[in-house]
């Protein structure tokens, strides 16, 4: 027998799947209930209304796209020099720019767009970003203490810029075949290395 949390997760999974294939408007409570073989009131036990379900699905979808990345605490534990730190950041970017990561970048853009119109969703996404990007900023502060990177840059502002820069790749990817993505990546690596340099 499924626990309440299992049921909630299954409902979110179904809602995310619907959003992925048909956008927010495709989420239908009756369809989710039928798919999961549960009664509609079970959904409303976990989410007060459809809007709450959509919001929770956006938050979960966004978080899933972020939490598969290597935590910066792990990166900092593995590096001993400035060169290794810069190389780790560039390697993280290389991973982020992989073609199979396009969907994760596009999801984050989609959720950020929805959050612009929904203050509660914006608050939840901001909380996630503060946690996720705060850990990157913490790694930069540590790198500054070790004199590996310039102390002139604000670590939190730099972390937010870097996140936006990663998501910005979606613009070039949308216009498939027009922008040389290898050149885009090379420019990105060069600018990031310059910004983090002393």
N, C-alpha and C. Protein backbone atom coordinates (compact mmCIF):
# COMPACT_ATOMS: atom_id res chain seq x y z
N UNK A 1 0.84 -1.18 0.00
CA UNK A 1 0.00 0.00 0.00
C UNK A 1 0.89 1.25 0.00
N UNK A 2 0.56 2.21 -0.84
CA UNK A 2 1.36 3.43 -0.97
C UNK A 2 1.12 4.35 0.21
N UNK A 3 2.19 4.97 0.67
CA UNK A 3 2.06 5.95 1.74
C UNK A 3 1.60 7.28 1.15
N UNK A 4 1.21 8.22 2.03
CA UNK A 4 0.78 9.53 1.56
C UNK A 4 1.84 10.23 0.75
N UNK A 5 3.10 10.13 1.21
CA UNK A 5 4.19 10.78 0.50
C UNK A 5 4.43 10.13 -0.86
N UNK A 6 4.29 8.80 -0.93
CA UNK A 6 4.41 8.10 -2.21
C UNK A 6 3.33 8.58 -3.18
N UNK A 7 2.11 8.70 -2.68
CA UNK A 7 1.00 9.15 -3.52
C UNK A 7 1.27 10.58 -3.99
N UNK A 8 1.71 11.43 -3.10
CA UNK A 8 2.01 12.81 -3.48
C UNK A 8 3.09 12.83 -4.57
N UNK A 9 4.13 12.04 -4.41
CA UNK A 9 5.21 11.98 -5.40
C UNK A 9 4.70 11.47 -6.74
N UNK A 10 3.85 10.48 -6.70
CA UNK A 10 3.29 9.93 -7.94
C UNK A 10 2.42 10.98 -8.64
N UNK A 11 1.66 11.74 -7.87
CA UNK A 11 0.83 12.80 -8.45
C UNK A 11 1.73 13.85 -9.12
N UNK A 12 2.79 14.24 -8.41
CA UNK A 12 3.72 15.22 -8.98
C UNK A 12 4.40 14.68 -10.23
N UNK A 13 4.80 13.42 -10.20
CA UNK A 13 5.42 12.80 -11.38
C UNK A 13 4.48 12.88 -12.58
N UNK A 14 3.22 12.55 -12.35
CA UNK A 14 2.23 12.58 -13.44
C UNK A 14 2.02 14.01 -13.95
N UNK A 15 1.95 14.97 -13.04
CA UNK A 15 1.76 16.37 -13.44
C UNK A 15 2.97 16.87 -14.24
N UNK A 16 4.16 16.52 -13.79
CA UNK A 16 5.38 16.93 -14.49
C UNK A 16 5.41 16.31 -15.89
N UNK A 17 5.04 15.05 -15.98
CA UNK A 17 5.00 14.37 -17.28
C UNK A 17 4.04 15.09 -18.22
N UNK A 18 2.88 15.49 -17.69
CA UNK A 18 1.90 16.22 -18.51
C UNK A 18 2.45 17.57 -18.95
N UNK A 19 3.09 18.30 -18.02
CA UNK A 19 3.67 19.60 -18.37
C UNK A 19 4.76 19.44 -19.41
N UNK A 20 5.54 18.40 -19.28
CA UNK A 20 6.63 18.17 -20.21
C UNK A 20 6.13 17.92 -21.62
N UNK A 21 5.01 17.23 -21.73
CA UNK A 21 4.50 16.91 -23.07
C UNK A 21 3.52 17.94 -23.62
N UNK A 22 2.81 18.64 -22.73
CA UNK A 22 1.78 19.55 -23.24
C UNK A 22 1.67 20.89 -22.57
N UNK A 23 2.63 21.22 -21.71
CA UNK A 23 2.58 22.50 -21.03
C UNK A 23 1.65 22.48 -19.82
N UNK A 24 1.65 23.58 -19.11
CA UNK A 24 0.87 23.71 -17.88
C UNK A 24 -0.62 23.45 -18.12
N UNK A 25 -1.14 23.92 -19.23
CA UNK A 25 -2.57 23.78 -19.52
C UNK A 25 -3.00 22.32 -19.66
N UNK A 26 -2.05 21.42 -19.90
CA UNK A 26 -2.40 20.01 -20.10
C UNK A 26 -2.66 19.26 -18.80
N UNK A 27 -2.37 19.89 -17.67
CA UNK A 27 -2.58 19.21 -16.38
C UNK A 27 -4.07 19.13 -16.09
N UNK A 28 -4.56 17.91 -15.99
CA UNK A 28 -5.97 17.64 -15.68
C UNK A 28 -6.01 16.71 -14.48
N UNK A 29 -6.68 17.17 -13.44
CA UNK A 29 -6.76 16.37 -12.21
C UNK A 29 -7.43 15.03 -12.48
N UNK A 30 -8.50 15.04 -13.26
CA UNK A 30 -9.22 13.79 -13.57
C UNK A 30 -8.31 12.81 -14.31
N UNK A 31 -7.49 13.31 -15.23
CA UNK A 31 -6.58 12.46 -15.99
C UNK A 31 -5.52 11.86 -15.07
N UNK A 32 -5.00 12.67 -14.16
CA UNK A 32 -4.00 12.17 -13.20
C UNK A 32 -4.61 11.09 -12.32
N UNK A 33 -5.82 11.34 -11.83
CA UNK A 33 -6.49 10.36 -10.97
C UNK A 33 -6.68 9.04 -11.71
N UNK A 34 -7.13 9.12 -12.95
CA UNK A 34 -7.35 7.90 -13.74
C UNK A 34 -6.03 7.18 -14.00
N UNK A 35 -5.02 7.93 -14.36
CA UNK A 35 -3.71 7.33 -14.66
C UNK A 35 -3.14 6.61 -13.44
N UNK A 36 -3.32 7.20 -12.26
CA UNK A 36 -2.75 6.63 -11.05
C UNK A 36 -3.70 5.68 -10.34
N UNK A 37 -4.90 5.54 -10.88
CA UNK A 37 -5.93 4.68 -10.30
C UNK A 37 -6.23 5.08 -8.85
N UNK A 38 -6.45 6.39 -8.67
CA UNK A 38 -6.84 6.92 -7.37
C UNK A 38 -8.06 7.82 -7.57
N UNK A 39 -8.74 8.10 -6.51
CA UNK A 39 -9.90 8.99 -6.59
C UNK A 39 -9.43 10.44 -6.64
N UNK A 40 -10.17 11.29 -7.37
CA UNK A 40 -9.81 12.71 -7.45
C UNK A 40 -9.65 13.36 -6.08
N UNK A 41 -10.53 13.06 -5.11
CA UNK A 41 -10.35 13.68 -3.79
C UNK A 41 -8.98 13.37 -3.16
N UNK A 42 -8.37 12.25 -3.55
CA UNK A 42 -7.03 11.94 -3.04
C UNK A 42 -6.03 13.00 -3.48
N UNK A 43 -6.21 13.50 -4.67
CA UNK A 43 -5.31 14.55 -5.16
C UNK A 43 -5.51 15.81 -4.33
N UNK A 44 -6.78 16.13 -4.06
CA UNK A 44 -7.07 17.35 -3.29
C UNK A 44 -6.70 17.19 -1.81
N UNK A 45 -6.46 15.98 -1.38
CA UNK A 45 -5.93 15.76 -0.03
C UNK A 45 -4.49 16.30 0.05
N UNK A 46 -3.75 16.17 -1.05
CA UNK A 46 -2.35 16.59 -1.10
C UNK A 46 -2.17 18.02 -1.61
N UNK A 47 -3.08 18.47 -2.43
CA UNK A 47 -2.99 19.80 -3.05
C UNK A 47 -4.37 20.45 -2.95
N UNK A 48 -4.44 21.65 -2.41
CA UNK A 48 -5.74 22.26 -2.14
C UNK A 48 -6.56 22.51 -3.39
N UNK A 49 -5.89 22.71 -4.52
CA UNK A 49 -6.60 22.92 -5.79
C UNK A 49 -5.62 22.66 -6.94
N UNK A 50 -6.12 22.79 -8.16
CA UNK A 50 -5.28 22.54 -9.33
C UNK A 50 -4.09 23.50 -9.36
N UNK A 51 -4.33 24.75 -9.02
CA UNK A 51 -3.24 25.74 -9.04
C UNK A 51 -2.11 25.34 -8.09
N UNK A 52 -2.48 24.83 -6.92
CA UNK A 52 -1.46 24.39 -5.97
C UNK A 52 -0.69 23.19 -6.51
N UNK A 53 -1.38 22.31 -7.21
CA UNK A 53 -0.71 21.16 -7.84
C UNK A 53 0.26 21.63 -8.91
N UNK A 54 -0.17 22.55 -9.76
CA UNK A 54 0.70 23.08 -10.82
C UNK A 54 1.93 23.74 -10.21
N UNK A 55 1.73 24.55 -9.18
CA UNK A 55 2.84 25.22 -8.53
C UNK A 55 3.82 24.22 -7.93
N UNK A 56 3.31 23.22 -7.23
CA UNK A 56 4.18 22.20 -6.64
C UNK A 56 4.93 21.41 -7.72
N UNK A 57 4.26 21.15 -8.83
CA UNK A 57 4.91 20.44 -9.93
C UNK A 57 6.04 21.27 -10.53
N UNK A 58 5.81 22.56 -10.71
CA UNK A 58 6.88 23.44 -11.21
C UNK A 58 8.08 23.43 -10.26
N UNK A 59 7.82 23.57 -8.98
CA UNK A 59 8.90 23.61 -7.99
C UNK A 59 9.70 22.30 -8.02
N UNK A 60 9.00 21.19 -8.02
CA UNK A 60 9.67 19.89 -8.03
C UNK A 60 10.46 19.70 -9.32
N UNK A 61 9.90 20.08 -10.44
CA UNK A 61 10.55 19.94 -11.75
C UNK A 61 11.83 20.76 -11.78
N UNK A 62 11.76 21.98 -11.29
CA UNK A 62 12.92 22.86 -11.26
C UNK A 62 14.02 22.26 -10.38
N UNK A 63 13.62 21.81 -9.19
CA UNK A 63 14.59 21.24 -8.25
C UNK A 63 15.25 20.00 -8.83
N UNK A 64 14.49 19.15 -9.47
CA UNK A 64 15.06 17.94 -10.07
C UNK A 64 16.13 18.28 -11.10
N UNK A 65 15.93 19.36 -11.83
CA UNK A 65 16.91 19.75 -12.85
C UNK A 65 18.20 20.28 -12.23
N UNK A 66 18.13 20.75 -11.00
CA UNK A 66 19.31 21.27 -10.33
C UNK A 66 20.03 20.23 -9.49
N UNK A 67 19.27 19.40 -8.80
CA UNK A 67 19.91 18.55 -7.79
C UNK A 67 20.74 17.41 -8.35
N UNK A 68 20.72 17.20 -9.66
CA UNK A 68 21.57 16.16 -10.22
C UNK A 68 22.98 16.66 -10.50
N UNK A 69 23.21 17.95 -10.33
CA UNK A 69 24.54 18.48 -10.52
C UNK A 69 25.41 18.18 -9.29
N UNK A 70 26.70 18.14 -9.50
CA UNK A 70 27.65 17.82 -8.42
C UNK A 70 27.66 18.98 -7.42
N UNK A 71 27.42 18.71 -6.15
CA UNK A 71 27.44 19.78 -5.15
C UNK A 71 28.81 20.44 -5.06
N UNK A 72 28.80 21.75 -4.87
CA UNK A 72 30.06 22.48 -4.82
C UNK A 72 30.89 22.09 -3.60
N UNK A 73 30.25 21.64 -2.54
CA UNK A 73 31.02 21.18 -1.39
C UNK A 73 31.91 20.01 -1.78
N UNK A 74 31.40 19.15 -2.65
CA UNK A 74 32.17 18.01 -3.14
C UNK A 74 33.33 18.49 -4.00
N UNK A 75 33.05 19.45 -4.87
CA UNK A 75 34.11 20.00 -5.72
C UNK A 75 35.22 20.59 -4.86
N UNK A 76 34.86 21.38 -3.85
CA UNK A 76 35.88 22.03 -3.01
C UNK A 76 36.72 21.00 -2.25
N UNK A 77 36.13 19.88 -1.91
CA UNK A 77 36.88 18.84 -1.19
C UNK A 77 37.89 18.14 -2.10
N UNK A 78 37.71 18.28 -3.40
CA UNK A 78 38.57 17.56 -4.35
C UNK A 78 39.66 18.42 -4.99
N UNK A 79 39.65 19.72 -4.72
CA UNK A 79 40.63 20.59 -5.36
C UNK A 79 41.61 21.16 -4.34
N UNK A 80 42.87 21.30 -4.79
CA UNK A 80 43.92 21.80 -3.90
C UNK A 80 44.62 23.04 -4.44
N UNK A 81 44.35 23.40 -5.70
CA UNK A 81 45.03 24.56 -6.30
C UNK A 81 44.04 25.40 -7.09
N UNK A 82 44.47 26.62 -7.41
CA UNK A 82 43.66 27.51 -8.23
C UNK A 82 43.33 26.87 -9.58
N UNK A 83 44.34 26.27 -10.18
CA UNK A 83 44.15 25.65 -11.50
C UNK A 83 43.10 24.54 -11.44
N UNK A 84 43.17 23.74 -10.37
CA UNK A 84 42.18 22.67 -10.22
C UNK A 84 40.78 23.24 -10.01
N UNK A 85 40.69 24.34 -9.26
CA UNK A 85 39.38 24.97 -9.02
C UNK A 85 38.79 25.49 -10.33
N UNK A 86 39.57 26.25 -11.09
CA UNK A 86 39.09 26.79 -12.36
C UNK A 86 38.73 25.64 -13.31
N UNK A 87 39.58 24.61 -13.34
CA UNK A 87 39.31 23.45 -14.19
C UNK A 87 38.00 22.77 -13.77
N UNK A 88 37.74 22.69 -12.46
CA UNK A 88 36.49 22.07 -11.98
C UNK A 88 35.27 22.90 -12.39
N UNK A 89 35.38 24.22 -12.33
CA UNK A 89 34.27 25.08 -12.76
C UNK A 89 34.03 24.91 -14.25
N UNK A 90 35.09 24.91 -15.04
CA UNK A 90 34.95 24.73 -16.50
C UNK A 90 34.39 23.34 -16.80
N UNK A 91 34.83 22.33 -16.05
CA UNK A 91 34.30 20.98 -16.26
C UNK A 91 32.81 20.93 -15.94
N UNK A 92 32.40 21.63 -14.90
CA UNK A 92 30.98 21.70 -14.55
C UNK A 92 30.19 22.37 -15.67
N UNK A 93 30.76 23.43 -16.25
CA UNK A 93 30.11 24.09 -17.39
C UNK A 93 30.02 23.14 -18.58
N UNK A 94 31.11 22.43 -18.83
CA UNK A 94 31.12 21.47 -19.94
C UNK A 94 29.99 20.46 -19.76
N UNK A 95 29.83 19.96 -18.55
CA UNK A 95 28.75 19.02 -18.26
C UNK A 95 27.40 19.70 -18.48
N UNK A 96 27.27 20.93 -17.99
CA UNK A 96 26.00 21.66 -18.10
C UNK A 96 25.62 21.92 -19.55
N UNK A 97 26.62 22.10 -20.42
CA UNK A 97 26.36 22.43 -21.82
C UNK A 97 26.12 21.20 -22.70
N UNK A 98 26.22 20.02 -22.16
CA UNK A 98 26.01 18.82 -22.98
C UNK A 98 24.64 18.87 -23.64
N UNK A 99 24.59 18.32 -24.83
CA UNK A 99 23.34 18.33 -25.59
C UNK A 99 22.20 17.68 -24.81
N UNK A 100 22.48 16.60 -24.10
CA UNK A 100 21.41 15.92 -23.36
C UNK A 100 20.96 16.70 -22.12
N UNK A 101 21.64 17.79 -21.81
CA UNK A 101 21.22 18.67 -20.70
C UNK A 101 20.32 19.81 -21.19
N UNK A 102 20.12 19.89 -22.51
CA UNK A 102 19.27 20.96 -23.05
C UNK A 102 17.89 20.94 -22.40
N UNK A 103 17.30 19.77 -22.25
CA UNK A 103 15.95 19.69 -21.68
C UNK A 103 15.92 20.26 -20.26
N UNK A 104 16.95 19.99 -19.47
CA UNK A 104 16.99 20.52 -18.10
C UNK A 104 17.10 22.04 -18.11
N UNK A 105 17.92 22.57 -19.03
CA UNK A 105 18.03 24.03 -19.14
C UNK A 105 16.70 24.62 -19.58
N UNK A 106 16.05 23.99 -20.55
CA UNK A 106 14.78 24.50 -21.06
C UNK A 106 13.68 24.45 -19.99
N UNK A 107 13.68 23.41 -19.17
CA UNK A 107 12.71 23.32 -18.07
C UNK A 107 12.91 24.49 -17.11
N UNK A 108 14.16 24.75 -16.76
CA UNK A 108 14.42 25.85 -15.82
C UNK A 108 13.95 27.18 -16.41
N UNK A 109 14.18 27.39 -17.69
CA UNK A 109 13.70 28.61 -18.35
C UNK A 109 12.18 28.67 -18.28
N UNK A 110 11.53 27.57 -18.57
CA UNK A 110 10.06 27.51 -18.53
C UNK A 110 9.52 27.83 -17.14
N UNK A 111 10.12 27.22 -16.13
CA UNK A 111 9.67 27.45 -14.75
C UNK A 111 9.93 28.90 -14.35
N UNK A 112 11.08 29.44 -14.73
CA UNK A 112 11.36 30.84 -14.41
C UNK A 112 10.34 31.76 -15.08
N UNK A 113 9.95 31.42 -16.31
CA UNK A 113 8.91 32.21 -16.98
C UNK A 113 7.59 32.16 -16.24
N UNK A 114 7.20 30.98 -15.80
CA UNK A 114 5.96 30.85 -15.03
C UNK A 114 6.04 31.60 -13.71
N UNK A 115 7.22 31.60 -13.10
CA UNK A 115 7.40 32.27 -11.81
C UNK A 115 7.28 33.79 -11.94
N UNK A 116 7.51 34.32 -13.12
CA UNK A 116 7.37 35.76 -13.32
C UNK A 116 5.92 36.22 -13.13
N UNK A 117 4.98 35.30 -13.33
CA UNK A 117 3.56 35.62 -13.23
C UNK A 117 2.93 35.11 -11.95
N UNK A 118 3.70 34.44 -11.11
CA UNK A 118 3.15 33.79 -9.93
C UNK A 118 4.04 34.07 -8.72
N UNK A 119 3.66 35.02 -7.88
CA UNK A 119 4.52 35.39 -6.75
C UNK A 119 4.85 34.23 -5.80
N UNK A 120 3.91 33.32 -5.57
CA UNK A 120 4.20 32.18 -4.69
C UNK A 120 5.23 31.25 -5.32
N UNK A 121 5.07 31.00 -6.61
CA UNK A 121 6.05 30.17 -7.32
C UNK A 121 7.40 30.88 -7.33
N UNK A 122 7.41 32.18 -7.56
CA UNK A 122 8.67 32.93 -7.56
C UNK A 122 9.37 32.79 -6.22
N UNK A 123 8.63 32.87 -5.13
CA UNK A 123 9.24 32.73 -3.80
C UNK A 123 9.87 31.35 -3.65
N UNK A 124 9.16 30.30 -4.06
CA UNK A 124 9.69 28.94 -3.94
C UNK A 124 10.94 28.76 -4.80
N UNK A 125 10.92 29.29 -6.02
CA UNK A 125 12.08 29.17 -6.92
C UNK A 125 13.24 29.99 -6.38
N UNK A 126 12.94 31.18 -5.85
CA UNK A 126 14.01 31.99 -5.24
C UNK A 126 14.65 31.25 -4.07
N UNK A 127 13.85 30.56 -3.27
CA UNK A 127 14.40 29.79 -2.15
C UNK A 127 15.35 28.71 -2.66
N UNK A 128 14.94 28.01 -3.72
CA UNK A 128 15.81 26.97 -4.31
C UNK A 128 17.08 27.60 -4.85
N UNK A 129 16.94 28.70 -5.58
CA UNK A 129 18.13 29.36 -6.14
C UNK A 129 19.07 29.84 -5.05
N UNK A 130 18.52 30.38 -3.97
CA UNK A 130 19.39 30.85 -2.88
C UNK A 130 20.20 29.69 -2.29
N UNK A 131 19.55 28.55 -2.15
CA UNK A 131 20.25 27.38 -1.61
C UNK A 131 21.30 26.87 -2.60
N UNK A 132 20.88 26.65 -3.82
CA UNK A 132 21.77 26.10 -4.83
C UNK A 132 22.91 27.06 -5.16
N UNK A 133 22.57 28.31 -5.47
CA UNK A 133 23.59 29.28 -5.86
C UNK A 133 24.39 29.77 -4.66
N UNK A 134 23.78 29.68 -3.48
CA UNK A 134 24.53 30.01 -2.26
C UNK A 134 25.70 29.07 -2.05
N UNK A 135 25.52 27.79 -2.41
CA UNK A 135 26.63 26.84 -2.25
C UNK A 135 27.75 27.16 -3.24
N UNK A 136 27.40 27.60 -4.44
CA UNK A 136 28.41 28.02 -5.41
C UNK A 136 29.13 29.27 -4.89
N UNK A 137 28.36 30.22 -4.35
CA UNK A 137 28.96 31.43 -3.78
C UNK A 137 29.89 31.08 -2.62
N UNK A 138 29.48 30.13 -1.79
CA UNK A 138 30.35 29.70 -0.68
C UNK A 138 31.68 29.15 -1.20
N UNK A 139 31.61 28.38 -2.30
CA UNK A 139 32.86 27.84 -2.87
C UNK A 139 33.73 28.97 -3.39
N UNK A 140 33.11 30.00 -3.95
CA UNK A 140 33.88 31.14 -4.44
C UNK A 140 34.51 31.93 -3.29
N UNK A 141 33.76 32.06 -2.19
CA UNK A 141 34.33 32.74 -1.02
C UNK A 141 35.56 31.97 -0.50
N UNK A 142 35.44 30.65 -0.47
CA UNK A 142 36.57 29.82 -0.04
C UNK A 142 37.75 29.98 -1.01
N UNK A 143 37.45 29.99 -2.30
CA UNK A 143 38.51 30.18 -3.30
C UNK A 143 39.14 31.57 -3.15
N UNK A 144 38.34 32.57 -2.80
CA UNK A 144 38.90 33.91 -2.56
C UNK A 144 39.82 33.90 -1.33
N UNK A 145 39.40 33.22 -0.26
CA UNK A 145 40.23 33.12 0.95
C UNK A 145 41.58 32.48 0.63
N UNK A 146 41.53 31.49 -0.26
CA UNK A 146 42.77 30.79 -0.64
C UNK A 146 43.56 31.55 -1.71
N UNK A 147 43.02 32.71 -2.10
CA UNK A 147 43.64 33.58 -3.12
C UNK A 147 43.72 32.89 -4.49
N UNK A 148 42.74 32.03 -4.77
CA UNK A 148 42.68 31.35 -6.06
C UNK A 148 41.96 32.18 -7.10
N UNK A 149 41.02 33.01 -6.64
CA UNK A 149 40.28 33.86 -7.57
C UNK A 149 40.23 35.28 -7.01
N UNK A 150 39.91 36.20 -7.87
CA UNK A 150 39.87 37.61 -7.51
C UNK A 150 38.91 37.88 -6.36
N UNK A 151 39.34 38.72 -5.45
CA UNK A 151 38.47 39.10 -4.34
C UNK A 151 37.62 40.31 -4.70
N UNK A 152 37.78 40.81 -5.92
CA UNK A 152 37.02 41.98 -6.37
C UNK A 152 35.58 41.64 -6.75
N UNK A 153 35.30 40.40 -6.96
CA UNK A 153 33.97 40.00 -7.41
C UNK A 153 33.10 39.57 -6.23
N UNK A 154 31.85 39.95 -6.29
CA UNK A 154 30.89 39.49 -5.28
C UNK A 154 30.52 38.04 -5.62
N UNK A 155 30.79 37.09 -4.72
CA UNK A 155 30.53 35.68 -5.02
C UNK A 155 29.06 35.36 -5.34
N UNK A 156 28.14 35.97 -4.62
CA UNK A 156 26.74 35.67 -4.87
C UNK A 156 26.30 36.24 -6.22
N UNK A 157 26.67 37.47 -6.52
CA UNK A 157 26.33 38.05 -7.81
C UNK A 157 26.95 37.24 -8.94
N UNK A 158 28.18 36.81 -8.75
CA UNK A 158 28.86 36.00 -9.77
C UNK A 158 28.14 34.66 -9.96
N UNK A 159 27.68 34.05 -8.88
CA UNK A 159 26.96 32.78 -8.96
C UNK A 159 25.66 32.93 -9.73
N UNK A 160 24.92 33.99 -9.44
CA UNK A 160 23.66 34.24 -10.16
C UNK A 160 23.94 34.53 -11.64
N UNK A 161 25.00 35.31 -11.92
CA UNK A 161 25.35 35.58 -13.31
C UNK A 161 25.69 34.28 -14.03
N UNK A 162 26.48 33.43 -13.38
CA UNK A 162 26.89 32.17 -14.00
C UNK A 162 25.68 31.29 -14.30
N UNK A 163 24.74 31.24 -13.37
CA UNK A 163 23.52 30.46 -13.60
C UNK A 163 22.75 31.01 -14.80
N UNK A 164 22.61 32.32 -14.86
CA UNK A 164 21.93 32.94 -16.00
C UNK A 164 22.66 32.69 -17.30
N UNK A 165 23.97 32.69 -17.24
CA UNK A 165 24.77 32.46 -18.44
C UNK A 165 24.56 31.03 -18.95
N UNK A 166 24.48 30.07 -18.04
CA UNK A 166 24.22 28.68 -18.43
C UNK A 166 22.85 28.56 -19.08
N UNK A 167 21.86 29.18 -18.45
CA UNK A 167 20.50 29.12 -19.01
C UNK A 167 20.41 29.87 -20.33
N UNK A 168 21.23 30.89 -20.49
CA UNK A 168 21.22 31.66 -21.73
C UNK A 168 21.58 30.84 -22.96
N UNK A 169 22.23 29.70 -22.75
CA UNK A 169 22.59 28.85 -23.89
C UNK A 169 21.35 28.36 -24.63
N UNK A 170 20.22 28.31 -23.94
CA UNK A 170 18.96 27.87 -24.55
C UNK A 170 18.61 28.75 -25.75
N UNK A 171 18.91 30.04 -25.68
CA UNK A 171 18.60 30.95 -26.78
C UNK A 171 19.32 30.51 -28.05
N UNK A 172 20.60 30.18 -27.92
CA UNK A 172 21.37 29.72 -29.08
C UNK A 172 20.89 28.35 -29.54
N UNK A 173 20.52 27.49 -28.61
CA UNK A 173 20.06 26.14 -28.96
C UNK A 173 18.71 26.17 -29.68
N UNK A 174 17.87 27.13 -29.34
CA UNK A 174 16.55 27.22 -29.98
C UNK A 174 16.66 27.52 -31.47
N UNK A 175 17.69 28.25 -31.85
CA UNK A 175 17.89 28.61 -33.26
C UNK A 175 18.86 27.61 -33.87
N UNK A 176 18.45 26.35 -33.83
CA UNK A 176 19.31 25.22 -34.19
C UNK A 176 19.99 25.41 -35.54
N UNK A 177 21.30 25.19 -35.53
CA UNK A 177 22.08 25.24 -36.75
C UNK A 177 22.58 26.63 -37.11
N UNK A 178 22.12 27.65 -36.44
CA UNK A 178 22.54 29.02 -36.75
C UNK A 178 23.78 29.41 -35.94
N UNK A 179 23.76 29.10 -34.66
CA UNK A 179 24.88 29.45 -33.78
C UNK A 179 25.77 28.23 -33.62
N UNK A 180 27.06 28.42 -33.80
CA UNK A 180 28.03 27.36 -33.59
C UNK A 180 28.19 27.19 -32.07
N UNK A 181 27.59 26.13 -31.54
CA UNK A 181 27.59 25.94 -30.09
C UNK A 181 28.97 25.67 -29.51
N UNK A 182 29.85 25.09 -30.30
CA UNK A 182 31.23 24.90 -29.83
C UNK A 182 31.90 26.25 -29.62
N UNK A 183 31.63 27.19 -30.53
CA UNK A 183 32.17 28.54 -30.38
C UNK A 183 31.54 29.25 -29.18
N UNK A 184 30.22 29.02 -29.00
CA UNK A 184 29.52 29.61 -27.85
C UNK A 184 30.15 29.10 -26.56
N UNK A 185 30.37 27.78 -26.49
CA UNK A 185 30.98 27.18 -25.31
C UNK A 185 32.39 27.74 -25.06
N UNK A 186 33.19 27.82 -26.12
CA UNK A 186 34.56 28.32 -25.99
C UNK A 186 34.55 29.75 -25.45
N UNK A 187 33.65 30.59 -25.95
CA UNK A 187 33.54 31.96 -25.47
C UNK A 187 33.13 31.97 -23.99
N UNK A 188 32.20 31.11 -23.66
CA UNK A 188 31.74 31.01 -22.27
C UNK A 188 32.89 30.62 -21.34
N UNK A 189 33.65 29.60 -21.71
CA UNK A 189 34.77 29.15 -20.89
C UNK A 189 35.80 30.28 -20.72
N UNK A 190 36.06 30.99 -21.82
CA UNK A 190 37.04 32.08 -21.78
C UNK A 190 36.58 33.19 -20.82
N UNK A 191 35.32 33.58 -20.94
CA UNK A 191 34.80 34.67 -20.09
C UNK A 191 34.76 34.23 -18.62
N UNK A 192 34.30 33.02 -18.36
CA UNK A 192 34.24 32.54 -16.98
C UNK A 192 35.65 32.48 -16.39
N UNK A 193 36.61 31.96 -17.14
CA UNK A 193 37.98 31.90 -16.65
C UNK A 193 38.53 33.30 -16.38
N UNK A 194 38.20 34.25 -17.25
CA UNK A 194 38.66 35.63 -17.08
C UNK A 194 38.02 36.24 -15.82
N UNK A 195 36.72 36.03 -15.63
CA UNK A 195 36.01 36.61 -14.48
C UNK A 195 36.54 36.02 -13.18
N UNK A 196 36.84 34.73 -13.18
CA UNK A 196 37.33 34.11 -11.95
C UNK A 196 38.81 34.36 -11.71
N UNK A 197 39.51 34.83 -12.74
CA UNK A 197 40.95 35.05 -12.62
C UNK A 197 41.31 36.18 -11.69
N UNK A 198 42.57 36.23 -11.36
CA UNK A 198 43.06 37.30 -10.47
C UNK A 198 43.47 38.53 -11.25
